[in-house]
Amino acid sequence: MDFANSIYEVLEKANVKLFAEKEYRSPTTISISLPNNVTDSEIIEELRIKHGVVVAGGMGNMKGSLIRVANMGNLSVEKTVKVYDAILDVMSFKVDGINRQAVEALGESLRKMGYR
């Protein structure tokens, strides 16, 4: 869960609202809550078009209110940083208070743990 915890820490530093409380967070799927004035489809489409990044929206009663990012498989540090930089880029235009610079620490943190 170290890999996922590094991502969660960076997102918290970036002022991103996470869906799950700390004790319930998944190591395989990062869920990001969206404010009421932003829908998942807006974020998903812009990530795909502008950055080539594919994420999923919420399901059931959470449809429209969050995005889900897969965090499993053969993820390189470079690709992981790219994905979260793209997410913070898109969200910074839609959500007040997003700190894009927080993602800079992600690559360094993951490399210190031995990820490549």
PDB file of N, CA and C in Angstrom:
ATOM      1  N   MET A   1       0.826  -1.202   0.000  1.00  0.00           N
ATOM      2  CA  MET A   1       0.000   0.000   0.000  1.00  0.00           C
ATOM      3  C   MET A   1       0.866   1.261   0.000  1.00  0.00           C
ATOM      4  N   ASP A   2       2.194   1.114   0.124  1.00  0.00           N
ATOM      5  CA  ASP A   2       3.073   2.283   0.117  1.00  0.00           C
ATOM      6  C   ASP A   2       2.900   3.133  -1.133  1.00  0.00           C
ATOM      7  N   PHE A   3       2.789   2.466  -2.294  1.00  0.00           N
ATOM      8  CA  PHE A   3       2.616   3.168  -3.562  1.00  0.00           C
ATOM      9  C   PHE A   3       1.350   4.022  -3.505  1.00  0.00           C
ATOM     10  N   ALA A   4       0.249   3.405  -3.120  1.00  0.00           N
ATOM     11  CA  ALA A   4      -1.031   4.115  -3.032  1.00  0.00           C
ATOM     12  C   ALA A   4      -0.985   5.214  -1.977  1.00  0.00           C
ATOM     13  N   ASN A   5      -0.366   4.943  -0.838  1.00  0.00           N
ATOM     14  CA  ASN A   5      -0.284   5.964   0.217  1.00  0.00           C
ATOM     15  C   ASN A   5       0.465   7.196  -0.251  1.00  0.00           C
ATOM     16  N   SER A   6       1.506   7.003  -1.063  1.00  0.00           N
ATOM     17  CA  SER A   6       2.238   8.148  -1.610  1.00  0.00           C
ATOM     18  C   SER A   6       1.326   8.997  -2.485  1.00  0.00           C
ATOM     19  N   ILE A   7       0.493   8.342  -3.267  1.00  0.00           N
ATOM     20  CA  ILE A   7      -0.454   9.064  -4.121  1.00  0.00           C
ATOM     21  C   ILE A   7      -1.476   9.802  -3.264  1.00  0.00           C
ATOM     22  N   TYR A   8      -2.033   9.121  -2.273  1.00  0.00           N
ATOM     23  CA  TYR A   8      -3.009   9.768  -1.391  1.00  0.00           C
ATOM     24  C   TYR A   8      -2.403  10.995  -0.704  1.00  0.00           C
ATOM     25  N   GLU A   9      -1.163  10.879  -0.222  1.00  0.00           N
ATOM     26  CA  GLU A   9      -0.505  12.003   0.453  1.00  0.00           C
ATOM     27  C   GLU A   9      -0.352  13.196  -0.481  1.00  0.00           C
ATOM     28  N   VAL A  10       0.066  12.936  -1.712  1.00  0.00           N
ATOM     29  CA  VAL A  10       0.236  14.017  -2.682  1.00  0.00           C
ATOM     30  C   VAL A  10      -1.107  14.669  -2.995  1.00  0.00           C
ATOM     31  N   LEU A  11      -2.143  13.871  -3.166  1.00  0.00           N
ATOM     32  CA  LEU A  11      -3.460  14.436  -3.461  1.00  0.00           C
ATOM     33  C   LEU A  11      -3.969  15.281  -2.296  1.00  0.00           C
ATOM     34  N   GLU A  12      -3.722  14.838  -1.078  1.00  0.00           N
ATOM     35  CA  GLU A  12      -4.120  15.642   0.083  1.00  0.00           C
ATOM     36  C   GLU A  12      -3.364  16.969   0.109  1.00  0.00           C
ATOM     37  N   LYS A  13      -2.058  16.941  -0.186  1.00  0.00           N
ATOM     38  CA  LYS A  13      -1.256  18.173  -0.236  1.00  0.00           C
ATOM     39  C   LYS A  13      -1.719  19.094  -1.357  1.00  0.00           C
ATOM     40  N   ALA A  14      -2.292  18.503  -2.397  1.00  0.00           N
ATOM     41  CA  ALA A  14      -2.795  19.280  -3.529  1.00  0.00           C
ATOM     42  C   ALA A  14      -4.196  19.831  -3.270  1.00  0.00           C
ATOM     43  N   ASN A  15      -4.733  19.573  -2.088  1.00  0.00           N
ATOM     44  CA  ASN A  15      -6.083  20.024  -1.704  1.00  0.00           C
ATOM     45  C   ASN A  15      -7.193  19.328  -2.486  1.00  0.00           C
ATOM     46  N   VAL A  16      -6.942  18.091  -2.881  1.00  0.00           N
ATOM     47  CA  VAL A  16      -7.948  17.285  -3.570  1.00  0.00           C
ATOM     48  C   VAL A  16      -8.766  16.556  -2.512  1.00  0.00           C
ATOM     49  N   LYS A  17     -10.084  16.589  -2.670  1.00  0.00           N
ATOM     50  CA  LYS A  17     -10.957  15.887  -1.723  1.00  0.00           C
ATOM     51  C   LYS A  17     -11.055  14.419  -2.136  1.00  0.00           C
ATOM     52  N   LEU A  18     -10.616  13.554  -1.254  1.00  0.00           N
ATOM     53  CA  LEU A  18     -10.665  12.119  -1.518  1.00  0.00           C
ATOM     54  C   LEU A  18     -11.999  11.549  -1.053  1.00  0.00           C
ATOM     55  N   PHE A  19     -12.491  10.548  -1.773  1.00  0.00           N
ATOM     56  CA  PHE A  19     -13.800   9.985  -1.474  1.00  0.00           C
ATOM     57  C   PHE A  19     -13.810   9.208  -0.164  1.00  0.00           C
ATOM     58  N   ALA A  20     -12.866   8.303   0.006  1.00  0.00           N
ATOM     59  CA  ALA A  20     -12.873   7.411   1.174  1.00  0.00           C
ATOM     60  C   ALA A  20     -12.059   7.986   2.330  1.00  0.00           C
ATOM     61  N   GLU A  21     -12.539   7.734   3.530  1.00  0.00           N
ATOM     62  CA  GLU A  21     -11.763   8.074   4.722  1.00  0.00           C
ATOM     63  C   GLU A  21     -10.511   7.202   4.734  1.00  0.00           C
ATOM     64  N   LYS A  22      -9.482   7.663   5.421  1.00  0.00           N
ATOM     65  CA  LYS A  22      -8.177   6.996   5.414  1.00  0.00           C
ATOM     66  C   LYS A  22      -8.250   5.486   5.664  1.00  0.00           C
ATOM     67  N   GLU A  23      -9.014   5.080   6.655  1.00  0.00           N
ATOM     68  CA  GLU A  23      -9.040   3.657   7.022  1.00  0.00           C
ATOM     69  C   GLU A  23      -9.753   2.770   5.992  1.00  0.00           C
ATOM     70  N   TYR A  24     -10.471   3.377   5.044  1.00  0.00           N
ATOM     71  CA  TYR A  24     -11.208   2.601   4.047  1.00  0.00           C
ATOM     72  C   TYR A  24     -10.643   2.734   2.635  1.00  0.00           C
ATOM     73  N   ARG A  25      -9.538   3.427   2.475  1.00  0.00           N
ATOM     74  CA  ARG A  25      -8.980   3.670   1.148  1.00  0.00           C
ATOM     75  C   ARG A  25      -8.430   2.397   0.519  1.00  0.00           C
ATOM     76  N   SER A  26      -8.623   2.311  -0.771  1.00  0.00           N
ATOM     77  CA  SER A  26      -8.183   1.144  -1.533  1.00  0.00           C
ATOM     78  C   SER A  26      -6.764   1.336  -2.062  1.00  0.00           C
ATOM     79  N   PRO A  27      -5.966   0.275  -2.056  1.00  0.00           N
ATOM     80  CA  PRO A  27      -4.648   0.366  -2.682  1.00  0.00           C
ATOM     81  C   PRO A  27      -4.717   0.212  -4.206  1.00  0.00           C
ATOM     82  N   THR A  28      -5.853  -0.235  -4.730  1.00  0.00           N
ATOM     83  CA  THR A  28      -5.958  -0.500  -6.166  1.00  0.00           C
ATOM     84  C   THR A  28      -6.756   0.529  -6.951  1.00  0.00           C
ATOM     85  N   THR A  29      -7.577   1.315  -6.287  1.00  0.00           N
ATOM     86  CA  THR A  29      -8.380   2.337  -6.959  1.00  0.00           C
ATOM     87  C   THR A  29      -8.385   3.604  -6.116  1.00  0.00           C
ATOM     88  N   ILE A  30      -7.939   4.699  -6.713  1.00  0.00           N
ATOM     89  CA  ILE A  30      -7.936   5.989  -6.032  1.00  0.00           C
ATOM     90  C   ILE A  30      -9.218   6.708  -6.447  1.00  0.00           C
ATOM     91  N   SER A  31     -10.071   7.055  -5.487  1.00  0.00           N
ATOM     92  CA  SER A  31     -11.341   7.734  -5.778  1.00  0.00           C
ATOM     93  C   SER A  31     -11.271   9.178  -5.314  1.00  0.00           C
ATOM     94  N   ILE A  32     -11.525  10.082  -6.257  1.00  0.00           N
ATOM     95  CA  ILE A  32     -11.439  11.518  -6.007  1.00  0.00           C
ATOM     96  C   ILE A  32     -12.835  12.122  -6.091  1.00  0.00           C
ATOM     97  N   SER A  33     -13.263  12.779  -5.020  1.00  0.00           N
ATOM     98  CA  SER A  33     -14.572  13.439  -4.995  1.00  0.00           C
ATOM     99  C   SER A  33     -14.513  14.738  -5.784  1.00  0.00           C
ATOM    100  N   LEU A  34     -15.631  15.072  -6.394  1.00  0.00           N
ATOM    101  CA  LEU A  34     -15.730  16.313  -7.156  1.00  0.00           C
ATOM    102  C   LEU A  34     -16.750  17.235  -6.502  1.00  0.00           C
ATOM    103  N   PRO A  35     -16.554  18.545  -6.603  1.00  0.00           N
ATOM    104  CA  PRO A  35     -17.555  19.465  -6.055  1.00  0.00           C
ATOM    105  C   PRO A  35     -18.846  19.393  -6.873  1.00  0.00           C
ATOM    106  N   ASN A  36     -19.921  19.886  -6.311  1.00  0.00           N
ATOM    107  CA  ASN A  36     -21.237  19.807  -6.954  1.00  0.00           C
ATOM    108  C   ASN A  36     -21.301  20.475  -8.322  1.00  0.00           C
ATOM    109  N   ASN A  37     -20.456  21.482  -8.561  1.00  0.00           N
ATOM    110  CA  ASN A  37     -20.526  22.210  -9.831  1.00  0.00           C
ATOM    111  C   ASN A  37     -19.682  21.572 -10.942  1.00  0.00           C
ATOM    112  N   VAL A  38     -19.068  20.418 -10.670  1.00  0.00           N
ATOM    113  CA  VAL A  38     -18.235  19.720 -11.655  1.00  0.00           C
ATOM    114  C   VAL A  38     -18.711  18.269 -11.747  1.00  0.00           C
ATOM    115  N   THR A  39     -18.881  17.772 -12.978  1.00  0.00           N
ATOM    116  CA  THR A  39     -19.288  16.369 -13.140  1.00  0.00           C
ATOM    117  C   THR A  39     -18.104  15.507 -13.561  1.00  0.00           C
ATOM    118  N   ASP A  40     -18.233  14.222 -13.292  1.00  0.00           N
ATOM    119  CA  ASP A  40     -17.160  13.308 -13.687  1.00  0.00           C
ATOM    120  C   ASP A  40     -16.955  13.312 -15.194  1.00  0.00           C
ATOM    121  N   SER A  41     -18.029  13.441 -15.962  1.00  0.00           N
ATOM    122  CA  SER A  41     -17.893  13.411 -17.423  1.00  0.00           C
ATOM    123  C   SER A  41     -17.063  14.582 -17.941  1.00  0.00           C
ATOM    124  N   GLU A  42     -17.171  15.754 -17.309  1.00  0.00           N
ATOM    125  CA  GLU A  42     -16.339  16.902 -17.699  1.00  0.00           C
ATOM    126  C   GLU A  42     -14.859  16.583 -17.517  1.00  0.00           C
ATOM    127  N   ILE A  43     -14.522  16.057 -16.353  1.00  0.00           N
ATOM    128  CA  ILE A  43     -13.130  15.749 -16.027  1.00  0.00           C
ATOM    129  C   ILE A  43     -12.624  14.604 -16.903  1.00  0.00           C
ATOM    130  N   ILE A  44     -13.422  13.556 -17.038  1.00  0.00           N
ATOM    131  CA  ILE A  44     -13.025  12.384 -17.823  1.00  0.00           C
ATOM    132  C   ILE A  44     -12.743  12.766 -19.274  1.00  0.00           C
ATOM    133  N   GLU A  45     -13.643  13.544 -19.871  1.00  0.00           N
ATOM    134  CA  GLU A  45     -13.474  13.935 -21.273  1.00  0.00           C
ATOM    135  C   GLU A  45     -12.239  14.810 -21.461  1.00  0.00           C
ATOM    136  N   GLU A  46     -12.057  15.773 -20.587  1.00  0.00           N
ATOM    137  CA  GLU A  46     -10.907  16.664 -20.718  1.00  0.00           C
ATOM    138  C   GLU A  46      -9.587  15.918 -20.505  1.00  0.00           C
ATOM    139  N   LEU A  47      -9.551  14.987 -19.556  1.00  0.00           N
ATOM    140  CA  LEU A  47      -8.342  14.184 -19.348  1.00  0.00           C
ATOM    141  C   LEU A  47      -8.010  13.370 -20.599  1.00  0.00           C
ATOM    142  N   ARG A  48      -9.033  12.793 -21.200  1.00  0.00           N
ATOM    143  CA  ARG A  48      -8.819  11.962 -22.389  1.00  0.00           C
ATOM    144  C   ARG A  48      -8.354  12.803 -23.576  1.00  0.00           C
ATOM    145  N   ILE A  49      -9.028  13.915 -23.825  1.00  0.00           N
ATOM    146  CA  ILE A  49      -8.719  14.745 -24.992  1.00  0.00           C
ATOM    147  C   ILE A  49      -7.399  15.499 -24.818  1.00  0.00           C
ATOM    148  N   LYS A  50      -7.222  16.136 -23.692  1.00  0.00           N
ATOM    149  CA  LYS A  50      -6.063  17.012 -23.479  1.00  0.00           C
ATOM    150  C   LYS A  50      -4.792  16.246 -23.131  1.00  0.00           C
ATOM    151  N   HIS A  51      -4.929  15.124 -22.406  1.00  0.00           N
ATOM    152  CA  HIS A  51      -3.749  14.425 -21.891  1.00  0.00           C
ATOM    153  C   HIS A  51      -3.637  12.960 -22.319  1.00  0.00           C
ATOM    154  N   GLY A  52      -4.665  12.398 -22.950  1.00  0.00           N
ATOM    155  CA  GLY A  52      -4.621  10.988 -23.317  1.00  0.00           C
ATOM    156  C   GLY A  52      -4.710  10.060 -22.117  1.00  0.00           C
ATOM    157  N   VAL A  53      -5.291  10.553 -21.029  1.00  0.00           N
ATOM    158  CA  VAL A  53      -5.416   9.793 -19.787  1.00  0.00           C
ATOM    159  C   VAL A  53      -6.857   9.311 -19.644  1.00  0.00           C
ATOM    160  N   VAL A  54      -7.025   8.026 -19.352  1.00  0.00           N
ATOM    161  CA  VAL A  54      -8.363   7.452 -19.209  1.00  0.00           C
ATOM    162  C   VAL A  54      -8.600   7.071 -17.751  1.00  0.00           C
ATOM    163  N   VAL A  55      -9.662   7.627 -17.181  1.00  0.00           N
ATOM    164  CA  VAL A  55     -10.098   7.293 -15.822  1.00  0.00           C
ATOM    165  C   VAL A  55     -11.582   6.961 -15.887  1.00  0.00           C
ATOM    166  N   ALA A  56     -12.125   6.454 -14.797  1.00  0.00           N
ATOM    167  CA  ALA A  56     -13.544   6.086 -14.751  1.00  0.00           C
ATOM    168  C   ALA A  56     -14.305   7.045 -13.846  1.00  0.00           C
ATOM    169  N   GLY A  57     -15.596   7.107 -14.062  1.00  0.00           N
ATOM    170  CA  GLY A  57     -16.458   7.913 -13.208  1.00  0.00           C
ATOM    171  C   GLY A  57     -17.041   7.086 -12.075  1.00  0.00           C
ATOM    172  N   GLY A  58     -17.883   7.732 -11.302  1.00  0.00           N
ATOM    173  CA  GLY A  58     -18.556   7.041 -10.214  1.00  0.00           C
ATOM    174  C   GLY A  58     -19.633   6.106 -10.740  1.00  0.00           C
ATOM    175  N   MET A  59     -20.081   5.210  -9.881  1.00  0.00           N
ATOM    176  CA  MET A  59     -21.127   4.256 -10.249  1.00  0.00           C
ATOM    177  C   MET A  59     -22.283   4.372  -9.258  1.00  0.00           C
ATOM    178  N   GLY A  60     -23.451   3.913  -9.672  1.00  0.00           N
ATOM    179  CA  GLY A  60     -24.611   3.917  -8.781  1.00  0.00           C
ATOM    180  C   GLY A  60     -24.932   5.314  -8.297  1.00  0.00           C
ATOM    181  N   ASN A  61     -25.148   5.461  -6.990  1.00  0.00           N
ATOM    182  CA  ASN A  61     -25.514   6.779  -6.461  1.00  0.00           C
ATOM    183  C   ASN A  61     -24.333   7.752  -6.440  1.00  0.00           C
ATOM    184  N   MET A  62     -23.130   7.296  -6.787  1.00  0.00           N
ATOM    185  CA  MET A  62     -21.961   8.176  -6.859  1.00  0.00           C
ATOM    186  C   MET A  62     -21.683   8.627  -8.297  1.00  0.00           C
ATOM    187  N   LYS A  63     -22.519   8.200  -9.235  1.00  0.00           N
ATOM    188  CA  LYS A  63     -22.340   8.580 -10.641  1.00  0.00           C
ATOM    189  C   LYS A  63     -22.359  10.100 -10.762  1.00  0.00           C
ATOM    190  N   GLY A  64     -21.353  10.619 -11.425  1.00  0.00           N
ATOM    191  CA  GLY A  64     -21.263  12.060 -11.647  1.00  0.00           C
ATOM    192  C   GLY A  64     -20.485  12.812 -10.593  1.00  0.00           C
ATOM    193  N   SER A  65     -20.260  12.201  -9.428  1.00  0.00           N
ATOM    194  CA  SER A  65     -19.676  12.961  -8.319  1.00  0.00           C
ATOM    195  C   SER A  65     -18.241  12.592  -7.954  1.00  0.00           C
ATOM    196  N   LEU A  66     -17.654  11.629  -8.674  1.00  0.00           N
ATOM    197  CA  LEU A  66     -16.253  11.296  -8.397  1.00  0.00           C
ATOM    198  C   LEU A  66     -15.611  10.676  -9.618  1.00  0.00           C
ATOM    199  N   ILE A  67     -14.263  10.652  -9.608  1.00  0.00           N
ATOM    200  CA  ILE A  67     -13.532   9.911 -10.626  1.00  0.00           C
ATOM    201  C   ILE A  67     -12.717   8.836  -9.927  1.00  0.00           C
ATOM    202  N   ARG A  68     -12.498   7.733 -10.654  1.00  0.00           N
ATOM    203  CA  ARG A  68     -11.740   6.609 -10.107  1.00  0.00           C
ATOM    204  C   ARG A  68     -10.535   6.359 -11.003  1.00  0.00           C
ATOM    205  N   VAL A  69      -9.377   6.195 -10.357  1.00  0.00           N
ATOM    206  CA  VAL A  69      -8.129   5.998 -11.082  1.00  0.00           C
ATOM    207  C   VAL A  69      -7.556   4.639 -10.698  1.00  0.00           C
ATOM    208  N   ALA A  70      -7.308   3.792 -11.694  1.00  0.00           N
ATOM    209  CA  ALA A  70      -6.721   2.474 -11.431  1.00  0.00           C
ATOM    210  C   ALA A  70      -5.295   2.640 -10.924  1.00  0.00           C
ATOM    211  N   ASN A  71      -4.943   1.835  -9.946  1.00  0.00           N
ATOM    212  CA  ASN A  71      -3.617   1.898  -9.339  1.00  0.00           C
ATOM    213  C   ASN A  71      -3.078   0.480  -9.183  1.00  0.00           C
ATOM    214  N   MET A  72      -3.057  -0.252 -10.293  1.00  0.00           N
ATOM    215  CA  MET A  72      -2.572  -1.630 -10.229  1.00  0.00           C
ATOM    216  C   MET A  72      -1.900  -1.976 -11.550  1.00  0.00           C
ATOM    217  N   GLY A  73      -1.217  -3.081 -11.554  1.00  0.00           N
ATOM    218  CA  GLY A  73      -0.516  -3.493 -12.757  1.00  0.00           C
ATOM    219  C   GLY A  73       0.896  -2.932 -12.781  1.00  0.00           C
ATOM    220  N   ASN A  74       1.466  -2.903 -13.954  1.00  0.00           N
ATOM    221  CA  ASN A  74       2.844  -2.469 -14.125  1.00  0.00           C
ATOM    222  C   ASN A  74       2.898  -0.955 -14.342  1.00  0.00           C
ATOM    223  N   LEU A  75       2.798  -0.197 -13.266  1.00  0.00           N
ATOM    224  CA  LEU A  75       2.813   1.260 -13.344  1.00  0.00           C
ATOM    225  C   LEU A  75       4.224   1.777 -13.100  1.00  0.00           C
ATOM    226  N   SER A  76       4.726   2.549 -14.040  1.00  0.00           N
ATOM    227  CA  SER A  76       6.032   3.168 -13.824  1.00  0.00           C
ATOM    228  C   SER A  76       5.836   4.470 -13.058  1.00  0.00           C
ATOM    229  N   VAL A  77       6.897   4.915 -12.426  1.00  0.00           N
ATOM    230  CA  VAL A  77       6.843   6.195 -11.713  1.00  0.00           C
ATOM    231  C   VAL A  77       6.507   7.305 -12.701  1.00  0.00           C
ATOM    232  N   GLU A  78       7.140   7.279 -13.866  1.00  0.00           N
ATOM    233  CA  GLU A  78       6.921   8.317 -14.878  1.00  0.00           C
ATOM    234  C   GLU A  78       5.448   8.399 -15.294  1.00  0.00           C
ATOM    235  N   LYS A  79       4.837   7.245 -15.570  1.00  0.00           N
ATOM    236  CA  LYS A  79       3.425   7.230 -15.982  1.00  0.00           C
ATOM    237  C   LYS A  79       2.508   7.661 -14.840  1.00  0.00           C
ATOM    238  N   THR A  80       2.823   7.242 -13.641  1.00  0.00           N
ATOM    239  CA  THR A  80       2.004   7.610 -12.484  1.00  0.00           C
ATOM    240  C   THR A  80       2.032   9.116 -12.273  1.00  0.00           C
ATOM    241  N   VAL A  81       3.214   9.705 -12.332  1.00  0.00           N
ATOM    242  CA  VAL A  81       3.337  11.157 -12.172  1.00  0.00           C
ATOM    243  C   VAL A  81       2.590  11.868 -13.297  1.00  0.00           C
ATOM    244  N   LYS A  82       2.689  11.353 -14.524  1.00  0.00           N
ATOM    245  CA  LYS A  82       1.990  11.958 -15.664  1.00  0.00           C
ATOM    246  C   LYS A  82       0.480  11.966 -15.438  1.00  0.00           C
ATOM    247  N   VAL A  83      -0.051  10.844 -14.976  1.00  0.00           N
ATOM    248  CA  VAL A  83      -1.497  10.737 -14.756  1.00  0.00           C
ATOM    249  C   VAL A  83      -1.964  11.740 -13.704  1.00  0.00           C
ATOM    250  N   TYR A  84      -1.277  11.800 -12.571  1.00  0.00           N
ATOM    251  CA  TYR A  84      -1.730  12.693 -11.504  1.00  0.00           C
ATOM    252  C   TYR A  84      -1.447  14.155 -11.816  1.00  0.00           C
ATOM    253  N   ASP A  85      -0.408  14.435 -12.586  1.00  0.00           N
ATOM    254  CA  ASP A  85      -0.176  15.800 -13.045  1.00  0.00           C
ATOM    255  C   ASP A  85      -1.317  16.231 -13.964  1.00  0.00           C
ATOM    256  N   ALA A  86      -1.745  15.333 -14.844  1.00  0.00           N
ATOM    257  CA  ALA A  86      -2.865  15.626 -15.744  1.00  0.00           C
ATOM    258  C   ALA A  86      -4.153  15.857 -14.957  1.00  0.00           C
ATOM    259  N   ILE A  87      -4.412  15.013 -13.970  1.00  0.00           N
ATOM    260  CA  ILE A  87      -5.617  15.170 -13.149  1.00  0.00           C
ATOM    261  C   ILE A  87      -5.606  16.520 -12.438  1.00  0.00           C
ATOM    262  N   LEU A  88      -4.478  16.873 -11.838  1.00  0.00           N
ATOM    263  CA  LEU A  88      -4.398  18.161 -11.137  1.00  0.00           C
ATOM    264  C   LEU A  88      -4.493  19.325 -12.109  1.00  0.00           C
ATOM    265  N   ASP A  89      -3.947  19.166 -13.312  1.00  0.00           N
ATOM    266  CA  ASP A  89      -4.055  20.211 -14.329  1.00  0.00           C
ATOM    267  C   ASP A  89      -5.517  20.470 -14.670  1.00  0.00           C
ATOM    268  N   VAL A  90      -6.233  19.426 -15.004  1.00  0.00           N
ATOM    269  CA  VAL A  90      -7.642  19.570 -15.392  1.00  0.00           C
ATOM    270  C   VAL A  90      -8.472  20.083 -14.217  1.00  0.00           C
ATOM    271  N   MET A  91      -8.246  19.535 -13.042  1.00  0.00           N
ATOM    272  CA  MET A  91      -9.033  19.956 -11.881  1.00  0.00           C
ATOM    273  C   MET A  91      -8.727  21.394 -11.473  1.00  0.00           C
ATOM    274  N   SER A  92      -7.508  21.869 -11.722  1.00  0.00           N
ATOM    275  CA  SER A  92      -7.148  23.226 -11.304  1.00  0.00           C
ATOM    276  C   SER A  92      -7.973  24.287 -12.024  1.00  0.00           C
ATOM    277  N   PHE A  93      -8.508  23.952 -13.201  1.00  0.00           N
ATOM    278  CA  PHE A  93      -9.351  24.893 -13.931  1.00  0.00           C
ATOM    279  C   PHE A  93     -10.817  24.801 -13.511  1.00  0.00           C
ATOM    280  N   LYS A  94     -11.173  23.758 -12.780  1.00  0.00           N
ATOM    281  CA  LYS A  94     -12.572  23.520 -12.424  1.00  0.00           C
ATOM    282  C   LYS A  94     -12.845  23.616 -10.926  1.00  0.00           C
ATOM    283  N   VAL A  95     -11.805  23.401 -10.110  1.00  0.00           N
ATOM    284  CA  VAL A  95     -11.977  23.315  -8.658  1.00  0.00           C
ATOM    285  C   VAL A  95     -11.040  24.314  -7.993  1.00  0.00           C
ATOM    286  N   ASP A  96     -11.581  25.151  -7.131  1.00  0.00           N
ATOM    287  CA  ASP A  96     -10.763  26.141  -6.424  1.00  0.00           C
ATOM    288  C   ASP A  96      -9.790  25.477  -5.459  1.00  0.00           C
ATOM    289  N   GLY A  97      -8.593  26.050  -5.348  1.00  0.00           N
ATOM    290  CA  GLY A  97      -7.639  25.646  -4.324  1.00  0.00           C
ATOM    291  C   GLY A  97      -6.737  24.472  -4.657  1.00  0.00           C
ATOM    292  N   ILE A  98      -6.787  23.969  -5.894  1.00  0.00           N
ATOM    293  CA  ILE A  98      -5.931  22.833  -6.255  1.00  0.00           C
ATOM    294  C   ILE A  98      -4.483  23.307  -6.381  1.00  0.00           C
ATOM    295  N   ASN A  99      -3.578  22.594  -5.727  1.00  0.00           N
ATOM    296  CA  ASN A  99      -2.149  22.916  -5.740  1.00  0.00           C
ATOM    297  C   ASN A  99      -1.424  21.940  -6.658  1.00  0.00           C
ATOM    298  N   ARG A 100      -1.187  22.346  -7.902  1.00  0.00           N
ATOM    299  CA  ARG A 100      -0.549  21.453  -8.885  1.00  0.00           C
ATOM    300  C   ARG A 100       0.883  21.100  -8.532  1.00  0.00           C
ATOM    301  N   GLN A 101       1.583  21.966  -7.819  1.00  0.00           N
ATOM    302  CA  GLN A 101       2.990  21.720  -7.507  1.00  0.00           C
ATOM    303  C   GLN A 101       3.181  20.500  -6.601  1.00  0.00           C
ATOM    304  N   ALA A 102       2.153  20.089  -5.913  1.00  0.00           N
ATOM    305  CA  ALA A 102       2.264  18.948  -4.993  1.00  0.00           C
ATOM    306  C   ALA A 102       2.697  17.675  -5.708  1.00  0.00           C
ATOM    307  N   VAL A 103       2.355  17.535  -6.987  1.00  0.00           N
ATOM    308  CA  VAL A 103       2.667  16.303  -7.717  1.00  0.00           C
ATOM    309  C   VAL A 103       4.173  16.132  -7.926  1.00  0.00           C
ATOM    310  N   GLU A 104       4.927  17.212  -7.863  1.00  0.00           N
ATOM    311  CA  GLU A 104       6.375  17.128  -8.065  1.00  0.00           C
ATOM    312  C   GLU A 104       7.027  16.185  -7.058  1.00  0.00           C
ATOM    313  N   ALA A 105       6.488  16.116  -5.860  1.00  0.00           N
ATOM    314  CA  ALA A 105       7.052  15.259  -4.817  1.00  0.00           C
ATOM    315  C   ALA A 105       6.731  13.780  -5.030  1.00  0.00           C
ATOM    316  N   LEU A 106       5.743  13.476  -5.866  1.00  0.00           N
ATOM    317  CA  LEU A 106       5.312  12.089  -6.040  1.00  0.00           C
ATOM    318  C   LEU A 106       6.413  11.209  -6.624  1.00  0.00           C
ATOM    319  N   GLY A 107       7.018  11.639  -7.713  1.00  0.00           N
ATOM    320  CA  GLY A 107       8.070  10.842  -8.342  1.00  0.00           C
ATOM    321  C   GLY A 107       9.227  10.584  -7.405  1.00  0.00           C
ATOM    322  N   GLU A 108       9.648  11.613  -6.705  1.00  0.00           N
ATOM    323  CA  GLU A 108      10.755  11.480  -5.757  1.00  0.00           C
ATOM    324  C   GLU A 108      10.407  10.493  -4.644  1.00  0.00           C
ATOM    325  N   SER A 109       9.215  10.609  -4.114  1.00  0.00           N
ATOM    326  CA  SER A 109       8.770   9.724  -3.034  1.00  0.00           C
ATOM    327  C   SER A 109       8.743   8.262  -3.487  1.00  0.00           C
ATOM    328  N   LEU A 110       8.204   8.005  -4.673  1.00  0.00           N
ATOM    329  CA  LEU A 110       8.110   6.633  -5.180  1.00  0.00           C
ATOM    330  C   LEU A 110       9.489   6.052  -5.481  1.00  0.00           C
ATOM    331  N   ARG A 111      10.379   6.869  -6.033  1.00  0.00           N
ATOM    332  CA  ARG A 111      11.738   6.384  -6.330  1.00  0.00           C
ATOM    333  C   ARG A 111      12.495   6.041  -5.052  1.00  0.00           C
ATOM    334  N   LYS A 112      12.295   6.825  -3.994  1.00  0.00           N
ATOM    335  CA  LYS A 112      12.950   6.541  -2.712  1.00  0.00           C
ATOM    336  C   LYS A 112      12.522   5.182  -2.163  1.00  0.00           C
ATOM    337  N   MET A 113      11.306   4.766  -2.493  1.00  0.00           N
ATOM    338  CA  MET A 113      10.808   3.464  -2.039  1.00  0.00           C
ATOM    339  C   MET A 113      11.254   2.327  -2.953  1.00  0.00           C
ATOM    340  N   GLY A 114      11.973   2.663  -4.022  1.00  0.00           N
ATOM    341  CA  GLY A 114      12.492   1.633  -4.914  1.00  0.00           C
ATOM    342  C   GLY A 114      11.691   1.396  -6.178  1.00  0.00           C
ATOM    343  N   TYR A 115      10.631   2.167  -6.391  1.00  0.00           N
ATOM    344  CA  TYR A 115       9.842   2.009  -7.620  1.00  0.00           C
ATOM    345  C   TYR A 115      10.572   2.689  -8.771  1.00  0.00           C
ATOM    346  N   ARG A 116      10.379   2.157  -9.956  1.00  0.00           N
ATOM    347  CA  ARG A 116      11.038   2.724 -11.143  1.00  0.00           C
ATOM    348  C   ARG A 116      10.015   3.182 -12.122  1.00  0.00           C
TER     349      ARG A 116
END
